Each structure stands twice: as C-alpha cells, then as structure tokens.
Amino acid sequence: MPERCLKCGENTMHERIAQMQHVQGSRKVLIENDRHMFCESCGNVSYLGDQISQIELTVARKIREEDGLLPPQDLKAIRLKYNLTQAEMEQLISAGPKTWVRWERGKVVQSKVADTLIRQIAEQPDLVRSLLSRSGVASAAAQQVLAAIDEDVERQVAEMMRQRLGPNPAVDIEMLVRDTAEAIRRSQREVTARIVRAA
C-alpha cells in the first residue's frame, strides 16, 4: 500500500528495487539491486528502517570489492589471531576510537594504507610485537600468542636441524635455535629503531 511522501505530500511512495548510484566521500558507487522507497509523483528516494543499514553495508562491501580490501570477517580473524580487543587494535595501528569497531561491523571501509598494514600484521608476528611495544598496548593475551608462535617456529627449526645433523649432533640444537631466534629478533629491533630515527 502506498505511503505519504514527505517531500511532495502525495500518497504515492512505495518500496522498489532498482539500480542506484551512491556517493561516499568523493567515491561514486553503483548498486544494482538497491531496496528503497520511491515516490511516483516527485521521484523522491528515501530509506526507511532496515533499508538504511542494508544500503550502508552494501555500499561498503562494493567499495571493498572494487579496491581489493579485506572484508570485515578477515579483520576480525586477524584481530583474534593475536587475542586483541577492538580497542587494542585501534591503539596498535593508531586509529581513532571505535574505528576498528566500525570496520568489523562492515559499514565503514578501511583505507588502502590501513589495509596494507593489517595484512602485514596478519603475516608478521614480529611486527605485532614491535607495534605492541611502540603503541604501549599491554596485552598479556597477545604476548602469550606471540610466545606460542615463537615456540612453534623454534620447534620446527629444531626438528629440521635434527634431521640434517643426524641422531647425535655435537651441539645443543634447542639452545642454538633459541639463541639464533633471539639474535634475529634483536637485530630486527635495532634495524627498525634505526629506520625510525632516520625518518
């Protein structure tokens, strides 16, 4: 049944699904099956109730697809990989309050720069360790995850060395692996510190 149009006052407003262009910032996004209210008399288009939420999600999803950005479920998975809260992630990447929350909900799209950093966080536990230290995020849960990742890597390297060196090596493999891993991490921290000082 038609509803009253708030623009022209006629009872000719009804729901329809049609192609619509939306503008988000400087970005124009074409949505093929846009569900909205349309006035037959004056052509007014408006969104009611769940139509508003749905179009926000649809526009954001289209932008992420076009730009090749991580979807909300991947952002959440990356955050949970390190047992970080949404607020801790915001602090970790120097984002404003509730920014990560909005990204995970799917209605706001992260920038390409933020997306690149998040992808690096997903793949580089040492980067997370560095960002935790630099940002002042004191997350015992994240530190436990990083320690478990380190132990797993060291275990795999030790097993590989045992296979190469045979059953009775002349060195303590576990100690050698731990010392080497710590030396690598120390070197990475020093290189990062030099880069930061030079910037």
Protein backbone atom coordinates (compact mmCIF):
# COMPACT_ATOMS: atom_id res chain seq x y z
CA MET A 1 0.00 0.00 0.00
CA PRO A 2 1.46 3.40 -0.99
CA GLU A 3 2.69 5.73 1.75
CA ARG A 4 2.75 9.50 2.02
CA CYS A 5 5.83 11.17 0.53
CA LEU A 6 7.47 13.58 2.96
CA LYS A 7 8.71 15.72 0.07
CA CYS A 8 5.57 16.28 -2.02
CA GLY A 9 2.85 15.05 0.37
CA GLU A 10 1.28 12.65 -2.15
CA ASN A 11 0.35 9.09 -1.16
CA THR A 12 2.45 7.61 -3.96
CA MET A 13 5.51 6.33 -2.10
CA HIS A 14 6.25 2.61 -2.29
CA GLU A 15 9.19 0.26 -1.90
CA ARG A 16 11.10 -0.69 -5.02
CA ILE A 17 14.33 -2.39 -6.05
CA ALA A 18 16.30 -0.58 -8.73
CA GLN A 19 19.78 0.49 -9.79
CA MET A 20 21.01 3.49 -7.78
CA GLN A 21 24.23 5.46 -7.54
CA HIS A 22 25.52 6.38 -4.09
CA VAL A 23 28.22 8.86 -3.15
CA GLN A 24 30.53 8.16 -0.23
CA GLY A 25 33.03 10.98 0.17
CA SER A 26 34.43 11.54 -3.31
CA ARG A 27 33.52 7.99 -4.31
CA LYS A 28 30.57 7.08 -6.56
CA VAL A 29 29.24 3.54 -6.16
CA LEU A 30 26.64 1.94 -8.41
CA ILE A 31 24.36 -0.56 -6.64
CA GLU A 32 22.36 -2.82 -8.95
CA ASN A 33 19.59 -4.05 -6.62
CA ASP A 34 19.06 -1.15 -4.25
CA ARG A 35 15.99 -1.52 -1.99
CA HIS A 36 14.48 1.86 -1.14
CA MET A 37 11.28 3.92 -1.03
CA PHE A 38 10.33 5.74 -4.24
CA CYS A 39 7.68 8.41 -4.85
CA GLU A 40 5.89 8.03 -8.21
CA SER A 41 4.76 11.67 -8.07
CA CYS A 42 8.01 13.56 -7.45
CA GLY A 43 10.71 10.88 -7.82
CA ASN A 44 11.91 11.27 -4.23
CA VAL A 45 14.08 8.39 -3.00
CA SER A 46 14.42 7.66 0.72
CA TYR A 47 15.44 4.81 3.00
CA LEU A 48 13.50 3.53 6.00
CA GLY A 49 14.34 1.17 8.86
CA ASP A 50 16.49 -1.77 7.83
CA GLN A 51 16.87 -0.32 4.31
CA ILE A 52 19.32 2.24 5.76
CA SER A 53 21.51 -0.36 7.43
CA GLN A 54 21.36 -2.63 4.39
CA ILE A 55 22.46 0.05 1.92
CA GLU A 56 25.33 1.14 4.18
CA LEU A 57 26.60 -2.46 4.28
CA THR A 58 26.09 -2.92 0.52
CA VAL A 59 27.94 0.28 -0.45
CA ALA A 60 30.85 -0.52 1.88
CA ARG A 61 31.04 -4.11 0.56
CA LYS A 62 31.11 -2.86 -3.04
CA ILE A 63 33.96 -0.42 -2.26
CA ARG A 64 35.96 -3.19 -0.54
CA GLU A 65 35.44 -5.49 -3.52
CA GLU A 66 36.42 -2.83 -6.06
CA ASP A 67 39.55 -1.83 -4.10
CA GLY A 68 40.55 -5.36 -3.06
CA LEU A 69 40.29 -4.59 0.66
CA LEU A 70 39.91 -7.13 3.45
CA PRO A 71 36.29 -7.91 4.39
CA PRO A 72 35.06 -7.47 7.99
CA GLN A 73 35.30 -11.20 8.81
CA ASP A 74 39.01 -11.19 7.86
CA LEU A 75 39.65 -8.12 10.02
CA LYS A 76 38.05 -9.89 12.96
CA ALA A 77 40.02 -13.09 12.30
CA ILE A 78 43.32 -11.17 12.21
CA ARG A 79 42.49 -9.38 15.46
CA LEU A 80 41.51 -12.64 17.16
CA LYS A 81 44.65 -14.37 15.87
CA TYR A 82 46.56 -12.24 18.39
CA ASN A 83 43.82 -12.22 21.06
CA LEU A 84 43.48 -8.43 20.84
CA THR A 85 40.36 -6.43 21.67
CA GLN A 86 38.96 -3.92 19.18
CA ALA A 87 40.22 -1.03 21.35
CA GLU A 88 43.70 -2.59 21.49
CA MET A 89 43.76 -2.92 17.69
CA GLU A 90 42.81 0.75 17.36
CA GLN A 91 45.67 1.72 19.66
CA LEU A 92 48.05 -0.69 17.91
CA ILE A 93 47.55 0.91 14.48
CA SER A 94 46.99 4.47 15.79
CA ALA A 95 43.35 4.58 14.67
CA GLY A 96 40.69 6.70 16.36
CA PRO A 97 38.21 5.36 18.93
CA LYS A 98 35.59 2.98 17.51
CA THR A 99 37.33 2.91 14.09
CA TRP A 100 38.08 -0.82 14.22
CA VAL A 101 34.60 -1.46 15.61
CA ARG A 102 33.06 0.21 12.53
CA TRP A 103 35.36 -1.69 10.17
CA GLU A 104 34.38 -5.03 11.72
CA ARG A 105 30.69 -4.13 11.55
CA GLY A 106 31.16 -3.58 7.83
CA LYS A 107 29.56 -0.16 7.41
CA VAL A 108 32.83 1.78 7.21
CA VAL A 109 35.71 0.88 4.89
CA GLN A 110 39.35 0.97 5.94
CA SER A 111 41.80 2.93 3.78
CA LYS A 112 44.23 1.16 1.46
CA VAL A 113 47.10 2.21 3.75
CA ALA A 114 45.38 0.71 6.81
CA ASP A 115 44.52 -2.42 4.82
CA THR A 116 48.18 -2.89 3.85
CA LEU A 117 49.29 -2.54 7.48
CA ILE A 118 46.63 -5.02 8.63
CA ARG A 119 47.77 -7.57 6.03
CA GLN A 120 51.34 -7.19 7.30
CA ILE A 121 50.14 -7.65 10.87
CA ALA A 122 48.42 -10.88 9.82
CA GLU A 123 51.64 -12.28 8.33
CA GLN A 124 54.34 -10.86 10.61
CA PRO A 125 54.14 -11.64 14.34
CA ASP A 126 57.37 -9.67 14.90
CA LEU A 127 55.65 -6.56 13.52
CA VAL A 128 52.87 -7.09 16.07
CA ARG A 129 55.49 -7.42 18.81
CA SER A 130 57.06 -4.14 17.70
CA LEU A 131 53.71 -2.33 17.42
CA LEU A 132 52.65 -3.56 20.86
CA SER A 133 55.81 -2.11 22.35
CA ARG A 134 55.64 1.15 20.42
CA SER A 135 51.93 1.78 21.00
CA GLY A 136 52.00 0.94 24.70
CA VAL A 137 49.38 -1.81 24.38
CA ALA A 138 49.96 -4.09 27.37
CA SER A 139 48.12 -7.21 26.29
CA ALA A 140 49.12 -10.34 28.19
CA ALA A 141 46.86 -12.36 25.87
CA ALA A 142 48.69 -11.11 22.75
CA GLN A 143 52.08 -11.74 24.37
CA GLN A 144 51.02 -15.34 25.07
CA VAL A 145 50.04 -15.80 21.43
CA LEU A 146 53.38 -14.38 20.26
CA ALA A 147 55.27 -16.64 22.68
CA ALA A 148 53.36 -19.66 21.36
CA ILE A 149 54.18 -18.67 17.76
CA ASP A 150 57.88 -18.32 18.71
CA GLU A 151 57.87 -21.74 20.39
CA ASP A 152 56.24 -23.33 17.35
CA VAL A 153 58.77 -21.78 14.95
CA GLU A 154 61.68 -22.81 17.18
CA ARG A 155 60.29 -26.36 17.42
CA GLN A 156 60.02 -26.61 13.63
CA VAL A 157 63.54 -25.26 13.09
CA ALA A 158 64.97 -27.61 15.75
CA GLU A 159 63.28 -30.59 14.09
CA MET A 160 64.69 -29.57 10.70
CA MET A 161 68.19 -29.24 12.20
CA ARG A 162 67.90 -32.66 13.87
CA GLN A 163 67.01 -34.19 10.51
CA ARG A 164 70.03 -32.54 8.86
CA LEU A 165 72.55 -33.13 11.67
CA GLY A 166 71.59 -36.71 12.47
CA PRO A 167 70.75 -38.52 15.72
CA ASN A 168 73.73 -37.38 17.87
CA PRO A 169 74.68 -33.81 16.95
CA ALA A 170 77.71 -32.20 18.59
CA VAL A 171 75.66 -29.13 19.62
CA ASP A 172 72.59 -28.47 21.79
CA ILE A 173 70.09 -27.84 19.00
CA GLU A 174 67.38 -26.29 21.19
CA MET A 175 69.82 -23.80 22.72
CA LEU A 176 71.28 -22.96 19.30
CA VAL A 177 67.78 -22.34 17.88
CA ARG A 178 66.72 -20.16 20.85
CA ASP A 179 69.91 -18.11 20.71
CA THR A 180 69.66 -17.67 16.95
CA ALA A 181 65.98 -16.67 17.12
CA GLU A 182 66.70 -14.09 19.83
CA ALA A 183 69.64 -12.71 17.84
CA ILE A 184 67.39 -12.32 14.79
CA ARG A 185 64.69 -10.54 16.81
CA ARG A 186 67.28 -8.24 18.43
CA SER A 187 68.71 -7.40 15.01
CA GLN A 188 65.23 -6.66 13.63
CA ARG A 189 64.52 -4.32 16.57
CA GLU A 190 67.80 -2.49 16.01
CA VAL A 191 67.15 -2.08 12.28
CA THR A 192 63.62 -0.84 12.96
CA ALA A 193 64.91 1.63 15.57
CA ARG A 194 67.48 3.00 13.07
CA ILE A 195 64.80 3.42 10.41
CA VAL A 196 62.52 5.25 12.85
CA ARG A 197 65.35 7.56 13.99
CA ALA A 198 66.27 8.34 10.37
CA ALA A 199 62.68 9.21 9.42
